[in-house]
Amino acid sequence: MAKVYQFPSKGKGEQKPKPIKSEAELQLKNTMNLLIGTYKESSLGLEQIKDEISKLDGSHYKSGKEVLKQIKEMNKLFLKYGISVGGYKFLTFDDIEVIYVNANELFYIGKTEEDTKTYTTGSFIEKFNTYKFTLVLDESLYCVIDERIQELKITIKTLENTKI
């Protein structure tokens, strides 16, 4: 009778022993996963803000108080996601341009640059509370949001591809 040669097995079912990870490595991995989750959440939130803002563009307000309330709400919304907005533009029914600047919390109002006057919040409400306003959002605002979303996506991809 002939003997059949049996090749040595390659260890079916045997696995290489997994390297033991240190406490610091596990902590770093968990931190990175937490960051990835947070950045993904922020990215989705910015997408939602972009949708909300586009719906607000062209909105009408019945008084200066409503304008001020809307400015405060938009500032809170942007602050939550780390976006700095220089100001907002409104138009009155007779095409008077109203520009609110966040840095100094002043309103600049006029039809042309020559006749533009500056108002504090109180004097704006006092003088223009009976006016009707329309919100006009600048296209650069959407660009800032898009840039921030893109930055977050790049950071997420980088973190996901980082080997620990």
C-alpha atoms as a PDB file:
ATOM      1  CA  MET A   1       0.000   0.000   0.000  1.00  0.00           C
ATOM      2  CA  ALA A   2       1.118   3.474  -0.791  1.00  0.00           C
ATOM      3  CA  LYS A   3       1.450   6.139   1.807  1.00  0.00           C
ATOM      4  CA  VAL A   4      -0.158   9.512   1.042  1.00  0.00           C
ATOM      5  CA  TYR A   5       1.972  12.459   2.010  1.00  0.00           C
ATOM      6  CA  GLN A   6       0.082  14.940   4.087  1.00  0.00           C
ATOM      7  CA  PHE A   7       1.225  18.527   3.854  1.00  0.00           C
ATOM      8  CA  PRO A   8       1.485  20.420   7.113  1.00  0.00           C
ATOM      9  CA  SER A   9      -1.652  22.396   7.829  1.00  0.00           C
ATOM     10  CA  LYS A  10      -1.592  26.147   7.801  1.00  0.00           C
ATOM     11  CA  GLY A  11      -3.513  26.270  10.952  1.00  0.00           C
ATOM     12  CA  LYS A  12      -7.072  26.385   9.725  1.00  0.00           C
ATOM     13  CA  GLY A  13      -9.135  28.252  12.223  1.00  0.00           C
ATOM     14  CA  GLU A  14      -6.061  29.560  13.954  1.00  0.00           C
ATOM     15  CA  GLN A  15      -5.723  33.300  14.022  1.00  0.00           C
ATOM     16  CA  LYS A  16      -2.771  35.469  14.634  1.00  0.00           C
ATOM     17  CA  PRO A  17      -2.802  36.730  18.172  1.00  0.00           C
ATOM     18  CA  LYS A  18      -4.093  40.293  18.262  1.00  0.00           C
ATOM     19  CA  PRO A  19      -1.622  42.786  19.585  1.00  0.00           C
ATOM     20  CA  ILE A  20      -2.501  44.075  22.991  1.00  0.00           C
ATOM     21  CA  LYS A  21      -3.346  47.736  22.791  1.00  0.00           C
ATOM     22  CA  SER A  22      -2.312  50.028  25.549  1.00  0.00           C
ATOM     23  CA  GLU A  23      -4.737  52.095  27.560  1.00  0.00           C
ATOM     24  CA  ALA A  24      -3.512  55.257  25.808  1.00  0.00           C
ATOM     25  CA  GLU A  25      -4.146  53.752  22.352  1.00  0.00           C
ATOM     26  CA  LEU A  26      -7.678  52.741  23.286  1.00  0.00           C
ATOM     27  CA  GLN A  27      -8.353  56.166  24.741  1.00  0.00           C
ATOM     28  CA  LEU A  28      -7.025  57.851  21.592  1.00  0.00           C
ATOM     29  CA  LYS A  29      -9.170  55.628  19.369  1.00  0.00           C
ATOM     30  CA  ASN A  30     -12.276  56.422  21.428  1.00  0.00           C
ATOM     31  CA  THR A  31     -11.509  60.132  21.295  1.00  0.00           C
ATOM     32  CA  MET A  32     -11.092  59.995  17.532  1.00  0.00           C
ATOM     33  CA  ASN A  33     -14.399  58.156  17.139  1.00  0.00           C
ATOM     34  CA  LEU A  34     -16.075  60.762  19.322  1.00  0.00           C
ATOM     35  CA  LEU A  35     -14.591  63.573  17.209  1.00  0.00           C
ATOM     36  CA  ILE A  36     -15.708  61.912  13.982  1.00  0.00           C
ATOM     37  CA  GLY A  37     -19.251  61.606  15.341  1.00  0.00           C
ATOM     38  CA  THR A  38     -19.277  65.220  16.505  1.00  0.00           C
ATOM     39  CA  TYR A  39     -17.980  66.508  13.171  1.00  0.00           C
ATOM     40  CA  LYS A  40     -20.536  64.458  11.238  1.00  0.00           C
ATOM     41  CA  GLU A  41     -23.282  65.869  13.441  1.00  0.00           C
ATOM     42  CA  SER A  42     -22.006  69.418  12.857  1.00  0.00           C
ATOM     43  CA  SER A  43     -21.879  68.842   9.111  1.00  0.00           C
ATOM     44  CA  LEU A  44     -25.496  67.650   9.086  1.00  0.00           C
ATOM     45  CA  GLY A  45     -26.499  70.603  11.277  1.00  0.00           C
ATOM     46  CA  LEU A  46     -24.894  73.035   8.823  1.00  0.00           C
ATOM     47  CA  GLU A  47     -26.786  71.403   5.949  1.00  0.00           C
ATOM     48  CA  GLN A  48     -30.013  71.955   7.905  1.00  0.00           C
ATOM     49  CA  ILE A  49     -29.084  75.577   8.641  1.00  0.00           C
ATOM     50  CA  LYS A  50     -28.436  76.156   4.959  1.00  0.00           C
ATOM     51  CA  ASP A  51     -31.935  74.863   4.173  1.00  0.00           C
ATOM     52  CA  GLU A  52     -33.505  76.975   6.932  1.00  0.00           C
ATOM     53  CA  ILE A  53     -31.661  80.105   5.827  1.00  0.00           C
ATOM     54  CA  SER A  54     -32.660  79.665   2.192  1.00  0.00           C
ATOM     55  CA  LYS A  55     -36.288  79.537   3.342  1.00  0.00           C
ATOM     56  CA  LEU A  56     -35.791  82.784   5.308  1.00  0.00           C
ATOM     57  CA  ASP A  57     -34.389  84.671   2.301  1.00  0.00           C
ATOM     58  CA  GLY A  58     -37.108  87.052   1.152  1.00  0.00           C
ATOM     59  CA  SER A  59     -39.087  86.762   4.407  1.00  0.00           C
ATOM     60  CA  HIS A  60     -41.234  89.731   5.370  1.00  0.00           C
ATOM     61  CA  TYR A  61     -41.316  91.380   8.788  1.00  0.00           C
ATOM     62  CA  LYS A  62     -43.993  93.762  10.017  1.00  0.00           C
ATOM     63  CA  SER A  63     -41.881  95.897  12.359  1.00  0.00           C
ATOM     64  CA  GLY A  64     -38.426  96.859  13.512  1.00  0.00           C
ATOM     65  CA  LYS A  65     -38.906  94.677  16.600  1.00  0.00           C
ATOM     66  CA  GLU A  66     -39.508  91.623  14.402  1.00  0.00           C
ATOM     67  CA  VAL A  67     -36.352  92.436  12.418  1.00  0.00           C
ATOM     68  CA  LEU A  68     -34.303  92.616  15.608  1.00  0.00           C
ATOM     69  CA  LYS A  69     -35.805  89.361  16.892  1.00  0.00           C
ATOM     70  CA  GLN A  70     -34.933  87.613  13.613  1.00  0.00           C
ATOM     71  CA  ILE A  71     -31.363  88.942  13.717  1.00  0.00           C
ATOM     72  CA  LYS A  72     -30.904  87.530  17.232  1.00  0.00           C
ATOM     73  CA  GLU A  73     -32.295  84.133  16.198  1.00  0.00           C
ATOM     74  CA  MET A  74     -30.032  83.933  13.144  1.00  0.00           C
ATOM     75  CA  ASN A  75     -26.979  84.934  15.207  1.00  0.00           C
ATOM     76  CA  LYS A  76     -27.709  82.146  17.737  1.00  0.00           C
ATOM     77  CA  LEU A  77     -28.078  79.667  14.903  1.00  0.00           C
ATOM     78  CA  PHE A  78     -24.753  80.598  13.325  1.00  0.00           C
ATOM     79  CA  LEU A  79     -22.908  80.857  16.643  1.00  0.00           C
ATOM     80  CA  LYS A  80     -23.855  77.261  17.457  1.00  0.00           C
ATOM     81  CA  TYR A  81     -21.792  76.088  14.458  1.00  0.00           C
ATOM     82  CA  GLY A  82     -18.947  78.581  14.740  1.00  0.00           C
ATOM     83  CA  ILE A  83     -19.919  80.751  11.789  1.00  0.00           C
ATOM     84  CA  SER A  84     -19.328  84.466  12.033  1.00  0.00           C
ATOM     85  CA  VAL A  85     -21.751  86.642  10.078  1.00  0.00           C
ATOM     86  CA  GLY A  86     -20.816  90.268   9.531  1.00  0.00           C
ATOM     87  CA  GLY A  87     -24.369  91.509   9.233  1.00  0.00           C
ATOM     88  CA  TYR A  88     -27.718  91.303   7.501  1.00  0.00           C
ATOM     89  CA  LYS A  89     -29.478  93.297   4.824  1.00  0.00           C
ATOM     90  CA  PHE A  90     -33.156  94.219   4.737  1.00  0.00           C
ATOM     91  CA  LEU A  91     -35.191  96.303   2.321  1.00  0.00           C
ATOM     92  CA  THR A  92     -38.230  98.414   3.183  1.00  0.00           C
ATOM     93  CA  PHE A  93     -41.304  98.638   0.988  1.00  0.00           C
ATOM     94  CA  ASP A  94     -39.977 101.903  -0.545  1.00  0.00           C
ATOM     95  CA  ASP A  95     -36.519 100.392  -1.285  1.00  0.00           C
ATOM     96  CA  ILE A  96     -34.663 101.875   1.649  1.00  0.00           C
ATOM     97  CA  GLU A  97     -31.685  99.652   2.388  1.00  0.00           C
ATOM     98  CA  VAL A  98     -31.224  98.598   6.010  1.00  0.00           C
ATOM     99  CA  ILE A  99     -27.914  96.990   6.900  1.00  0.00           C
ATOM    100  CA  TYR A 100     -27.324  95.623  10.368  1.00  0.00           C
ATOM    101  CA  VAL A 101     -23.666  95.138  11.371  1.00  0.00           C
ATOM    102  CA  ASN A 102     -23.010  92.608  14.136  1.00  0.00           C
ATOM    103  CA  ALA A 103     -19.595  93.985  15.117  1.00  0.00           C
ATOM    104  CA  ASN A 104     -20.913  97.309  16.394  1.00  0.00           C
ATOM    105  CA  GLU A 105     -24.632  96.427  16.627  1.00  0.00           C
ATOM    106  CA  LEU A 106     -25.618  99.399  14.502  1.00  0.00           C
ATOM    107  CA  PHE A 107     -28.088  99.848  11.671  1.00  0.00           C
ATOM    108  CA  TYR A 108     -27.052 101.743   8.532  1.00  0.00           C
ATOM    109  CA  ILE A 109     -30.101 102.995   6.669  1.00  0.00           C
ATOM    110  CA  GLY A 110     -30.478 104.863   3.401  1.00  0.00           C
ATOM    111  CA  LYS A 111     -31.274 104.670  -0.313  1.00  0.00           C
ATOM    112  CA  THR A 112     -27.794 105.736  -1.370  1.00  0.00           C
ATOM    113  CA  GLU A 113     -24.403 105.932   0.329  1.00  0.00           C
ATOM    114  CA  GLU A 114     -24.673 109.724   0.558  1.00  0.00           C
ATOM    115  CA  ASP A 115     -27.909 109.729   2.536  1.00  0.00           C
ATOM    116  CA  THR A 116     -27.087 106.758   4.805  1.00  0.00           C
ATOM    117  CA  LYS A 117     -27.675 107.357   8.503  1.00  0.00           C
ATOM    118  CA  THR A 118     -26.561 105.308  11.483  1.00  0.00           C
ATOM    119  CA  TYR A 119     -28.970 104.120  14.165  1.00  0.00           C
ATOM    120  CA  THR A 120     -28.543 102.254  17.418  1.00  0.00           C
ATOM    121  CA  THR A 121     -30.925  99.396  18.123  1.00  0.00           C
ATOM    122  CA  GLY A 122     -33.197 101.563  20.285  1.00  0.00           C
ATOM    123  CA  SER A 123     -33.387 104.457  17.832  1.00  0.00           C
ATOM    124  CA  PHE A 124     -33.963 102.011  14.941  1.00  0.00           C
ATOM    125  CA  ILE A 125     -36.965 100.454  16.679  1.00  0.00           C
ATOM    126  CA  GLU A 126     -38.273 103.882  17.666  1.00  0.00           C
ATOM    127  CA  LYS A 127     -38.073 105.327  14.148  1.00  0.00           C
ATOM    128  CA  PHE A 128     -38.763 102.270  11.965  1.00  0.00           C
ATOM    129  CA  ASN A 129     -41.102 100.134  14.055  1.00  0.00           C
ATOM    130  CA  THR A 130     -44.041 100.740  11.702  1.00  0.00           C
ATOM    131  CA  TYR A 131     -42.083  99.890   8.522  1.00  0.00           C
ATOM    132  CA  LYS A 132     -42.338  96.568   6.740  1.00  0.00           C
ATOM    133  CA  PHE A 133     -39.057  94.807   5.899  1.00  0.00           C
ATOM    134  CA  THR A 134     -37.829  92.048   3.609  1.00  0.00           C
ATOM    135  CA  LEU A 135     -34.739  89.985   4.435  1.00  0.00           C
ATOM    136  CA  VAL A 136     -32.156  89.836   1.625  1.00  0.00           C
ATOM    137  CA  LEU A 137     -29.408  87.302   2.286  1.00  0.00           C
ATOM    138  CA  ASP A 138     -26.073  87.704   0.554  1.00  0.00           C
ATOM    139  CA  GLU A 139     -24.760  84.815  -1.546  1.00  0.00           C
ATOM    140  CA  SER A 140     -21.474  84.934   0.394  1.00  0.00           C
ATOM    141  CA  LEU A 141     -23.316  83.589   3.448  1.00  0.00           C
ATOM    142  CA  TYR A 142     -24.060  80.362   1.590  1.00  0.00           C
ATOM    143  CA  CYS A 143     -20.414  80.188   0.483  1.00  0.00           C
ATOM    144  CA  VAL A 144     -19.222  80.461   4.095  1.00  0.00           C
ATOM    145  CA  ILE A 145     -21.544  77.622   5.133  1.00  0.00           C
ATOM    146  CA  ASP A 146     -20.409  75.472   2.186  1.00  0.00           C
ATOM    147  CA  GLU A 147     -16.745  76.087   3.034  1.00  0.00           C
ATOM    148  CA  ARG A 148     -17.320  75.099   6.661  1.00  0.00           C
ATOM    149  CA  ILE A 149     -19.127  71.911   5.577  1.00  0.00           C
ATOM    150  CA  GLN A 150     -16.258  71.059   3.222  1.00  0.00           C
ATOM    151  CA  GLU A 151     -13.687  71.643   5.976  1.00  0.00           C
ATOM    152  CA  LEU A 152     -15.601  69.300   8.273  1.00  0.00           C
ATOM    153  CA  LYS A 153     -15.831  66.599   5.583  1.00  0.00           C
ATOM    154  CA  ILE A 154     -12.074  66.777   4.975  1.00  0.00           C
ATOM    155  CA  THR A 155     -11.386  66.549   8.707  1.00  0.00           C
ATOM    156  CA  ILE A 156     -13.744  63.570   9.039  1.00  0.00           C
ATOM    157  CA  LYS A 157     -12.073  61.759   6.146  1.00  0.00           C
ATOM    158  CA  THR A 158      -8.621  62.466   7.585  1.00  0.00           C
ATOM    159  CA  LEU A 159      -9.604  61.139  11.012  1.00  0.00           C
ATOM    160  CA  GLU A 160     -11.232  58.048   9.513  1.00  0.00           C
ATOM    161  CA  ASN A 161      -8.068  57.254   7.522  1.00  0.00           C
ATOM    162  CA  THR A 162      -5.723  57.795  10.454  1.00  0.00           C
ATOM    163  CA  LYS A 163      -4.225  54.541  11.730  1.00  0.00           C
ATOM    164  CA  ILE A 164      -3.504  54.189  15.396  1.00  0.00           C
END
